[in-house]
N, C-alpha and C. Protein backbone atom coordinates (compact mmCIF):
# COMPACT_ATOMS: atom_id res chain seq x y z
N MET A 1 4.79 -21.72 -14.16
CA MET A 1 3.84 -21.00 -15.00
C MET A 1 2.48 -21.69 -14.95
N ALA A 2 1.48 -20.94 -15.18
CA ALA A 2 0.10 -21.43 -15.11
C ALA A 2 -0.21 -22.41 -16.22
N ASN A 3 -1.15 -23.28 -15.94
CA ASN A 3 -1.62 -24.23 -16.94
C ASN A 3 -2.80 -23.67 -17.72
N ARG A 4 -3.47 -22.66 -17.13
CA ARG A 4 -4.66 -22.08 -17.75
C ARG A 4 -4.55 -20.57 -17.75
N TYR A 5 -5.32 -19.96 -18.65
CA TYR A 5 -5.40 -18.50 -18.71
C TYR A 5 -6.85 -18.09 -18.58
N TYR A 6 -7.09 -17.02 -17.84
CA TYR A 6 -8.41 -16.45 -17.67
C TYR A 6 -8.29 -14.99 -18.08
N THR A 7 -8.90 -14.65 -19.20
CA THR A 7 -8.79 -13.30 -19.74
C THR A 7 -9.90 -12.42 -19.19
N VAL A 8 -9.51 -11.29 -18.62
CA VAL A 8 -10.46 -10.33 -18.05
C VAL A 8 -10.47 -9.10 -18.95
N SER A 9 -11.64 -8.74 -19.45
CA SER A 9 -11.79 -7.55 -20.30
C SER A 9 -11.94 -6.32 -19.41
N TRP A 10 -11.83 -5.14 -20.02
CA TRP A 10 -12.06 -3.90 -19.29
C TRP A 10 -13.46 -3.87 -18.73
N ASP A 11 -14.46 -4.28 -19.53
CA ASP A 11 -15.85 -4.29 -19.08
C ASP A 11 -16.04 -5.21 -17.88
N GLN A 12 -15.45 -6.40 -17.96
CA GLN A 12 -15.60 -7.35 -16.86
C GLN A 12 -14.91 -6.83 -15.61
N LEU A 13 -13.72 -6.26 -15.75
CA LEU A 13 -13.02 -5.72 -14.59
C LEU A 13 -13.85 -4.61 -13.93
N HIS A 14 -14.46 -3.77 -14.75
CA HIS A 14 -15.29 -2.70 -14.21
C HIS A 14 -16.49 -3.28 -13.46
N ARG A 15 -17.18 -4.25 -14.06
CA ARG A 15 -18.34 -4.88 -13.40
C ARG A 15 -17.93 -5.56 -12.09
N ASP A 16 -16.83 -6.30 -12.12
CA ASP A 16 -16.37 -7.03 -10.93
C ASP A 16 -15.91 -6.06 -9.84
N SER A 17 -15.27 -4.96 -10.22
CA SER A 17 -14.83 -3.96 -9.24
C SER A 17 -16.04 -3.25 -8.63
N LYS A 18 -17.06 -3.01 -9.44
CA LYS A 18 -18.29 -2.39 -8.94
C LYS A 18 -19.01 -3.36 -8.00
N ALA A 19 -19.00 -4.64 -8.33
CA ALA A 19 -19.59 -5.66 -7.45
C ALA A 19 -18.84 -5.68 -6.11
N LEU A 20 -17.53 -5.52 -6.15
CA LEU A 20 -16.74 -5.45 -4.93
C LEU A 20 -17.19 -4.25 -4.09
N ALA A 21 -17.40 -3.12 -4.73
CA ALA A 21 -17.86 -1.92 -4.02
C ALA A 21 -19.22 -2.18 -3.35
N TRP A 22 -20.12 -2.88 -4.03
CA TRP A 22 -21.42 -3.22 -3.44
C TRP A 22 -21.23 -4.00 -2.14
N ARG A 23 -20.34 -4.98 -2.18
CA ARG A 23 -20.08 -5.80 -0.98
C ARG A 23 -19.46 -4.98 0.14
N LEU A 24 -18.65 -4.01 -0.23
CA LEU A 24 -17.93 -3.22 0.77
C LEU A 24 -18.79 -2.12 1.40
N MET A 25 -19.86 -1.73 0.73
CA MET A 25 -20.73 -0.66 1.23
C MET A 25 -21.17 -0.89 2.67
N GLU A 26 -21.62 -2.10 2.96
CA GLU A 26 -22.16 -2.39 4.29
C GLU A 26 -21.08 -2.42 5.37
N ARG A 27 -19.82 -2.51 4.99
CA ARG A 27 -18.73 -2.57 5.95
C ARG A 27 -18.11 -1.20 6.25
N GLY A 28 -18.47 -0.21 5.42
CA GLY A 28 -17.91 1.13 5.58
C GLY A 28 -18.66 1.92 6.61
N PRO A 29 -18.45 3.22 6.69
CA PRO A 29 -17.56 3.98 5.79
C PRO A 29 -16.08 3.78 6.16
N TYR A 30 -15.24 4.12 5.20
CA TYR A 30 -13.79 4.00 5.37
C TYR A 30 -13.17 5.38 5.42
N ARG A 31 -12.10 5.51 6.17
CA ARG A 31 -11.37 6.79 6.23
C ARG A 31 -10.71 7.09 4.89
N GLY A 32 -10.30 6.02 4.20
CA GLY A 32 -9.65 6.16 2.91
C GLY A 32 -9.37 4.80 2.32
N ILE A 33 -8.78 4.81 1.14
CA ILE A 33 -8.46 3.57 0.42
C ILE A 33 -6.96 3.53 0.17
N VAL A 34 -6.37 2.36 0.38
CA VAL A 34 -4.98 2.12 0.03
C VAL A 34 -4.99 1.16 -1.16
N ALA A 35 -4.47 1.63 -2.30
CA ALA A 35 -4.35 0.78 -3.49
C ALA A 35 -2.98 0.13 -3.50
N ILE A 36 -2.95 -1.17 -3.72
CA ILE A 36 -1.67 -1.87 -3.88
C ILE A 36 -1.28 -1.74 -5.34
N THR A 37 -0.15 -1.06 -5.56
CA THR A 37 0.28 -0.84 -6.94
C THR A 37 1.01 -2.06 -7.47
N ARG A 38 0.88 -2.21 -8.77
CA ARG A 38 0.15 -1.43 -9.73
C ARG A 38 -1.21 -2.00 -9.98
N GLY A 39 -1.38 -3.30 -9.82
CA GLY A 39 -2.64 -3.96 -10.16
C GLY A 39 -3.86 -3.44 -9.45
N GLY A 40 -3.70 -2.95 -8.22
CA GLY A 40 -4.85 -2.48 -7.46
C GLY A 40 -5.30 -1.08 -7.79
N LEU A 41 -4.52 -0.36 -8.61
CA LEU A 41 -4.86 1.04 -8.90
C LEU A 41 -6.22 1.20 -9.58
N ILE A 42 -6.47 0.42 -10.60
CA ILE A 42 -7.73 0.59 -11.35
C ILE A 42 -8.93 0.09 -10.53
N PRO A 43 -8.87 -1.10 -9.92
CA PRO A 43 -9.99 -1.48 -9.06
C PRO A 43 -10.21 -0.48 -7.91
N ALA A 44 -9.14 0.03 -7.33
CA ALA A 44 -9.27 1.01 -6.24
C ALA A 44 -9.95 2.28 -6.72
N ALA A 45 -9.64 2.72 -7.93
CA ALA A 45 -10.27 3.93 -8.48
C ALA A 45 -11.77 3.70 -8.67
N ILE A 46 -12.14 2.53 -9.14
CA ILE A 46 -13.56 2.22 -9.35
C ILE A 46 -14.28 2.13 -8.00
N VAL A 47 -13.67 1.44 -7.05
CA VAL A 47 -14.27 1.32 -5.71
C VAL A 47 -14.37 2.69 -5.06
N ALA A 48 -13.32 3.51 -5.20
CA ALA A 48 -13.34 4.86 -4.61
C ALA A 48 -14.48 5.69 -5.18
N ARG A 49 -14.70 5.58 -6.46
CA ARG A 49 -15.79 6.32 -7.10
C ARG A 49 -17.14 5.86 -6.56
N GLU A 50 -17.33 4.55 -6.48
CA GLU A 50 -18.61 4.00 -6.04
C GLU A 50 -18.88 4.28 -4.57
N LEU A 51 -17.85 4.31 -3.74
CA LEU A 51 -18.02 4.56 -2.31
C LEU A 51 -17.86 6.04 -1.97
N GLU A 52 -17.61 6.85 -2.98
CA GLU A 52 -17.35 8.28 -2.82
C GLU A 52 -16.22 8.56 -1.84
N ALA A 53 -15.19 7.74 -1.93
CA ALA A 53 -13.98 7.93 -1.11
C ALA A 53 -13.08 8.94 -1.81
N ARG A 54 -12.58 9.90 -1.07
CA ARG A 54 -11.73 10.94 -1.65
C ARG A 54 -10.28 10.83 -1.24
N LEU A 55 -10.01 10.13 -0.14
CA LEU A 55 -8.63 9.99 0.34
C LEU A 55 -8.06 8.67 -0.17
N ILE A 56 -7.09 8.79 -1.06
CA ILE A 56 -6.48 7.60 -1.68
C ILE A 56 -4.99 7.60 -1.38
N GLU A 57 -4.51 6.46 -0.93
CA GLU A 57 -3.10 6.25 -0.62
C GLU A 57 -2.64 5.05 -1.43
N THR A 58 -1.34 4.89 -1.58
CA THR A 58 -0.81 3.71 -2.28
C THR A 58 0.27 3.05 -1.46
N VAL A 59 0.42 1.76 -1.70
CA VAL A 59 1.55 1.01 -1.19
C VAL A 59 2.13 0.26 -2.39
N SER A 60 3.44 0.32 -2.53
CA SER A 60 4.10 -0.33 -3.67
C SER A 60 4.96 -1.48 -3.16
N VAL A 61 4.62 -2.68 -3.60
CA VAL A 61 5.36 -3.87 -3.26
C VAL A 61 5.71 -4.58 -4.56
N VAL A 62 6.99 -4.77 -4.80
CA VAL A 62 7.45 -5.44 -6.01
C VAL A 62 7.73 -6.90 -5.67
N THR A 63 6.97 -7.81 -6.32
CA THR A 63 7.19 -9.25 -6.09
C THR A 63 7.49 -10.01 -7.37
N TYR A 64 6.97 -9.51 -8.49
CA TYR A 64 7.20 -10.20 -9.77
C TYR A 64 8.26 -9.47 -10.58
N HIS A 65 9.11 -10.23 -11.22
CA HIS A 65 10.07 -9.67 -12.18
C HIS A 65 10.06 -10.59 -13.39
N GLU A 66 9.54 -10.07 -14.51
CA GLU A 66 9.42 -10.85 -15.74
C GLU A 66 8.67 -12.16 -15.51
N GLU A 67 7.50 -12.06 -14.84
CA GLU A 67 6.60 -13.17 -14.54
C GLU A 67 7.17 -14.20 -13.58
N GLU A 68 8.30 -13.91 -12.94
CA GLU A 68 8.88 -14.80 -11.94
C GLU A 68 8.70 -14.18 -10.56
N MET A 69 8.25 -15.00 -9.61
CA MET A 69 8.03 -14.51 -8.26
C MET A 69 9.39 -14.35 -7.57
N GLY A 70 9.57 -13.20 -6.95
CA GLY A 70 10.80 -12.94 -6.21
C GLY A 70 10.49 -12.60 -4.77
N ARG A 71 11.50 -12.14 -4.05
CA ARG A 71 11.32 -11.70 -2.67
C ARG A 71 10.65 -10.34 -2.68
N PRO A 72 9.57 -10.17 -1.89
CA PRO A 72 8.84 -8.89 -1.93
C PRO A 72 9.68 -7.74 -1.38
N GLN A 73 9.59 -6.61 -2.06
CA GLN A 73 10.28 -5.40 -1.63
C GLN A 73 9.27 -4.26 -1.57
N VAL A 74 9.16 -3.61 -0.43
CA VAL A 74 8.28 -2.44 -0.30
C VAL A 74 9.06 -1.25 -0.84
N THR A 75 8.58 -0.70 -1.94
CA THR A 75 9.26 0.45 -2.54
C THR A 75 8.59 1.76 -2.18
N LYS A 76 7.35 1.70 -1.61
CA LYS A 76 6.67 2.90 -1.13
C LYS A 76 5.64 2.48 -0.09
N PRO A 77 5.90 2.80 1.18
CA PRO A 77 4.93 2.45 2.22
C PRO A 77 3.72 3.39 2.22
N PRO A 78 2.59 2.94 2.80
CA PRO A 78 1.36 3.75 2.85
C PRO A 78 1.34 4.64 4.09
N ALA A 79 2.15 5.66 4.11
CA ALA A 79 2.37 6.49 5.30
C ALA A 79 1.09 7.05 5.91
N ALA A 80 0.15 7.49 5.09
CA ALA A 80 -1.07 8.14 5.60
C ALA A 80 -2.01 7.19 6.31
N ALA A 81 -1.85 5.89 6.09
CA ALA A 81 -2.82 4.92 6.59
C ALA A 81 -2.52 4.38 7.99
N GLY A 82 -1.42 4.76 8.58
CA GLY A 82 -1.08 4.28 9.93
C GLY A 82 -1.04 2.76 9.99
N ASP A 83 -1.83 2.19 10.94
CA ASP A 83 -1.90 0.73 11.06
C ASP A 83 -3.07 0.15 10.27
N GLY A 84 -3.77 1.02 9.50
CA GLY A 84 -4.88 0.58 8.68
C GLY A 84 -6.24 0.74 9.32
N GLU A 85 -6.29 1.17 10.57
CA GLU A 85 -7.57 1.35 11.26
C GLU A 85 -8.50 2.23 10.43
N GLY A 86 -9.67 1.67 10.04
CA GLY A 86 -10.66 2.42 9.27
C GLY A 86 -10.36 2.54 7.78
N TRP A 87 -9.30 1.91 7.32
CA TRP A 87 -8.90 2.00 5.91
C TRP A 87 -9.31 0.75 5.15
N LEU A 88 -9.51 0.93 3.86
CA LEU A 88 -9.80 -0.16 2.94
C LEU A 88 -8.57 -0.38 2.06
N LEU A 89 -8.10 -1.59 2.01
CA LEU A 89 -6.95 -1.97 1.21
C LEU A 89 -7.46 -2.72 -0.01
N VAL A 90 -7.07 -2.28 -1.23
CA VAL A 90 -7.62 -2.86 -2.46
C VAL A 90 -6.50 -3.34 -3.39
N ASP A 91 -6.67 -4.55 -3.91
CA ASP A 91 -5.77 -5.09 -4.94
C ASP A 91 -6.62 -5.81 -5.98
N ASP A 92 -6.01 -6.05 -7.14
CA ASP A 92 -6.71 -6.75 -8.20
C ASP A 92 -6.85 -8.23 -7.89
N LEU A 93 -5.81 -8.82 -7.28
CA LEU A 93 -5.73 -10.27 -7.13
C LEU A 93 -4.89 -10.62 -5.91
N VAL A 94 -5.31 -11.65 -5.18
CA VAL A 94 -4.43 -12.28 -4.21
C VAL A 94 -4.13 -13.65 -4.80
N ASP A 95 -2.84 -13.92 -4.99
CA ASP A 95 -2.39 -15.15 -5.65
C ASP A 95 -1.86 -16.11 -4.59
N THR A 96 -0.58 -16.09 -4.34
CA THR A 96 0.01 -16.97 -3.32
C THR A 96 -0.05 -16.34 -1.94
N GLY A 97 -0.31 -15.05 -1.88
CA GLY A 97 -0.36 -14.34 -0.61
C GLY A 97 0.93 -13.65 -0.24
N THR A 98 1.93 -13.72 -1.10
CA THR A 98 3.24 -13.11 -0.81
C THR A 98 3.10 -11.61 -0.56
N THR A 99 2.49 -10.89 -1.48
CA THR A 99 2.28 -9.45 -1.32
C THR A 99 1.32 -9.19 -0.17
N ALA A 100 0.25 -9.96 -0.10
CA ALA A 100 -0.77 -9.77 0.93
C ALA A 100 -0.17 -9.84 2.33
N ARG A 101 0.73 -10.80 2.57
CA ARG A 101 1.33 -10.94 3.90
C ARG A 101 2.14 -9.70 4.27
N VAL A 102 2.90 -9.19 3.31
CA VAL A 102 3.72 -8.00 3.56
C VAL A 102 2.83 -6.81 3.90
N VAL A 103 1.78 -6.60 3.12
CA VAL A 103 0.90 -5.46 3.33
C VAL A 103 0.07 -5.63 4.61
N ARG A 104 -0.35 -6.84 4.90
CA ARG A 104 -1.09 -7.12 6.14
C ARG A 104 -0.24 -6.76 7.37
N GLU A 105 1.04 -7.03 7.30
CA GLU A 105 1.93 -6.68 8.41
C GLU A 105 1.99 -5.17 8.62
N MET A 106 1.98 -4.42 7.51
CA MET A 106 2.03 -2.96 7.60
C MET A 106 0.70 -2.36 8.04
N LEU A 107 -0.41 -2.97 7.60
CA LEU A 107 -1.75 -2.44 7.85
C LEU A 107 -2.64 -3.53 8.47
N PRO A 108 -2.31 -3.98 9.67
CA PRO A 108 -3.04 -5.12 10.24
C PRO A 108 -4.51 -4.85 10.52
N LYS A 109 -4.91 -3.58 10.66
CA LYS A 109 -6.30 -3.26 10.99
C LYS A 109 -7.13 -2.86 9.77
N ALA A 110 -6.54 -2.85 8.59
CA ALA A 110 -7.28 -2.49 7.37
C ALA A 110 -8.20 -3.63 6.95
N HIS A 111 -9.26 -3.29 6.24
CA HIS A 111 -10.13 -4.29 5.61
C HIS A 111 -9.54 -4.55 4.23
N PHE A 112 -9.16 -5.78 3.95
CA PHE A 112 -8.46 -6.14 2.72
C PHE A 112 -9.44 -6.73 1.72
N ALA A 113 -9.55 -6.10 0.54
CA ALA A 113 -10.47 -6.55 -0.49
C ALA A 113 -9.73 -6.71 -1.82
N THR A 114 -10.03 -7.80 -2.52
CA THR A 114 -9.48 -8.01 -3.86
C THR A 114 -10.62 -8.38 -4.80
N VAL A 115 -10.41 -8.13 -6.07
CA VAL A 115 -11.43 -8.50 -7.04
C VAL A 115 -11.38 -10.01 -7.27
N TYR A 116 -10.18 -10.55 -7.42
CA TYR A 116 -10.00 -11.97 -7.70
C TYR A 116 -9.13 -12.60 -6.61
N ALA A 117 -9.36 -13.89 -6.35
CA ALA A 117 -8.60 -14.59 -5.31
C ALA A 117 -8.29 -16.01 -5.77
N LYS A 118 -7.10 -16.47 -5.41
CA LYS A 118 -6.71 -17.86 -5.61
C LYS A 118 -6.67 -18.54 -4.24
N PRO A 119 -6.82 -19.86 -4.19
CA PRO A 119 -6.93 -20.56 -2.92
C PRO A 119 -5.81 -20.30 -1.91
N LYS A 120 -4.56 -20.22 -2.35
CA LYS A 120 -3.45 -20.02 -1.40
C LYS A 120 -3.51 -18.66 -0.71
N GLY A 121 -3.99 -17.64 -1.40
CA GLY A 121 -4.02 -16.30 -0.83
C GLY A 121 -5.35 -15.91 -0.23
N ARG A 122 -6.40 -16.64 -0.56
CA ARG A 122 -7.76 -16.28 -0.13
C ARG A 122 -7.91 -16.07 1.37
N PRO A 123 -7.29 -16.88 2.24
CA PRO A 123 -7.47 -16.66 3.69
C PRO A 123 -6.95 -15.31 4.19
N LEU A 124 -6.11 -14.64 3.42
CA LEU A 124 -5.55 -13.36 3.83
C LEU A 124 -6.46 -12.18 3.49
N VAL A 125 -7.51 -12.44 2.70
CA VAL A 125 -8.39 -11.38 2.21
C VAL A 125 -9.72 -11.43 2.96
N ASP A 126 -10.25 -10.25 3.28
CA ASP A 126 -11.53 -10.17 3.97
C ASP A 126 -12.71 -10.26 3.01
N THR A 127 -12.58 -9.65 1.82
CA THR A 127 -13.66 -9.62 0.84
C THR A 127 -13.08 -9.79 -0.56
N PHE A 128 -13.72 -10.62 -1.37
CA PHE A 128 -13.33 -10.76 -2.78
C PHE A 128 -14.57 -11.11 -3.58
N ILE A 129 -14.45 -11.05 -4.91
CA ILE A 129 -15.58 -11.33 -5.78
C ILE A 129 -15.50 -12.70 -6.45
N THR A 130 -14.40 -13.00 -7.11
CA THR A 130 -14.30 -14.22 -7.91
C THR A 130 -13.06 -15.02 -7.53
N GLU A 131 -13.25 -16.33 -7.33
CA GLU A 131 -12.12 -17.21 -7.07
C GLU A 131 -11.78 -17.99 -8.34
N VAL A 132 -10.49 -18.09 -8.61
CA VAL A 132 -10.00 -18.91 -9.72
C VAL A 132 -9.01 -19.92 -9.16
N SER A 133 -8.77 -20.99 -9.90
CA SER A 133 -7.86 -22.03 -9.43
C SER A 133 -6.43 -21.50 -9.33
N GLN A 134 -5.63 -22.15 -8.50
CA GLN A 134 -4.26 -21.70 -8.26
C GLN A 134 -3.42 -21.75 -9.54
N ASP A 135 -3.72 -22.69 -10.44
CA ASP A 135 -2.91 -22.83 -11.66
C ASP A 135 -3.41 -21.97 -12.81
N THR A 136 -4.30 -21.02 -12.53
CA THR A 136 -4.80 -20.12 -13.56
C THR A 136 -4.05 -18.80 -13.53
N TRP A 137 -3.58 -18.36 -14.69
CA TRP A 137 -2.92 -17.07 -14.82
C TRP A 137 -3.97 -16.09 -15.34
N ILE A 138 -4.27 -15.06 -14.56
CA ILE A 138 -5.27 -14.08 -14.98
C ILE A 138 -4.60 -13.06 -15.89
N LEU A 139 -5.17 -12.89 -17.07
CA LEU A 139 -4.67 -11.91 -18.02
C LEU A 139 -5.54 -10.66 -17.90
N PHE A 140 -4.99 -9.64 -17.26
CA PHE A 140 -5.72 -8.40 -17.05
C PHE A 140 -5.70 -7.56 -18.32
N PRO A 141 -6.68 -6.66 -18.47
CA PRO A 141 -6.77 -5.90 -19.73
C PRO A 141 -5.55 -5.02 -20.01
N TRP A 142 -4.84 -4.59 -18.99
CA TRP A 142 -3.66 -3.76 -19.22
C TRP A 142 -2.45 -4.59 -19.66
N ASP A 143 -2.58 -5.92 -19.60
CA ASP A 143 -1.49 -6.80 -20.02
C ASP A 143 -1.75 -7.49 -21.36
N THR A 144 -2.88 -7.20 -21.99
CA THR A 144 -3.26 -7.94 -23.20
C THR A 144 -3.71 -7.00 -24.30
N GLU A 145 -3.83 -7.57 -25.49
CA GLU A 145 -4.45 -6.87 -26.61
C GLU A 145 -5.22 -7.89 -27.43
N ALA A 146 -6.21 -7.43 -28.16
CA ALA A 146 -7.07 -8.35 -28.92
C ALA A 146 -6.30 -8.99 -30.06
N GLN A 147 -6.41 -10.30 -30.16
CA GLN A 147 -5.80 -11.03 -31.26
C GLN A 147 -6.47 -12.40 -31.38
N PHE A 148 -6.23 -13.09 -32.49
CA PHE A 148 -6.81 -14.41 -32.71
C PHE A 148 -6.25 -15.40 -31.69
N VAL A 149 -7.16 -16.26 -31.21
CA VAL A 149 -6.78 -17.33 -30.30
C VAL A 149 -7.33 -18.63 -30.87
N ALA A 150 -6.49 -19.67 -30.90
CA ALA A 150 -6.93 -20.98 -31.43
C ALA A 150 -8.01 -21.57 -30.52
N PRO A 151 -8.91 -22.38 -31.09
CA PRO A 151 -9.95 -23.02 -30.29
C PRO A 151 -9.32 -23.90 -29.19
N ILE A 152 -10.04 -24.07 -28.09
CA ILE A 152 -9.54 -24.85 -26.96
C ILE A 152 -9.14 -26.26 -27.39
N ALA A 153 -9.91 -26.87 -28.28
CA ALA A 153 -9.62 -28.25 -28.73
C ALA A 153 -8.25 -28.35 -29.38
N ARG A 154 -7.80 -27.30 -30.03
CA ARG A 154 -6.48 -27.32 -30.67
C ARG A 154 -5.34 -27.15 -29.66
N SER A 155 -5.63 -26.60 -28.52
CA SER A 155 -4.57 -26.35 -27.55
C SER A 155 -4.48 -27.43 -26.48
N GLY A 156 -5.17 -28.52 -26.67
CA GLY A 156 -5.13 -29.62 -25.71
C GLY A 156 -5.95 -29.34 -24.45
N GLY A 157 -6.90 -28.42 -24.54
CA GLY A 157 -7.78 -28.14 -23.43
C GLY A 157 -7.24 -27.15 -22.41
N LYS A 158 -6.17 -26.45 -22.77
CA LYS A 158 -5.57 -25.51 -21.79
C LYS A 158 -5.87 -24.08 -22.15
């Protein structure tokens, strides 16, 4: 489990996803976007809007079960994307690279973009916006709700 938490609000996720779209503009146009479910769905929707992409595909890879990393299982391949030629692959985060490796094998020619990246997975991604340390657990807005949090000094700096 992570030693630190980095909380991402809806507003921040939207800004960071839009920043990702800005970076991707010069690399396009793309034939379509492949969102890695589930985390990549919302960033992919924002990027699709900003790039005016209309063709959206998904790939479903299950790697986490109750916050524990397991063996990746492809539960829905991205049939429309072929080998990824001309496609943009979008996810919220590349962590250890477990999911990224599986998807890269399926879509070796796609441009892979994530909003957030950790050091172990970063080499697998072509474009990202923000890097966080490997021991940081990112709390996405769909996984959290507003509540009181003790000051950092009370939690021993974590």
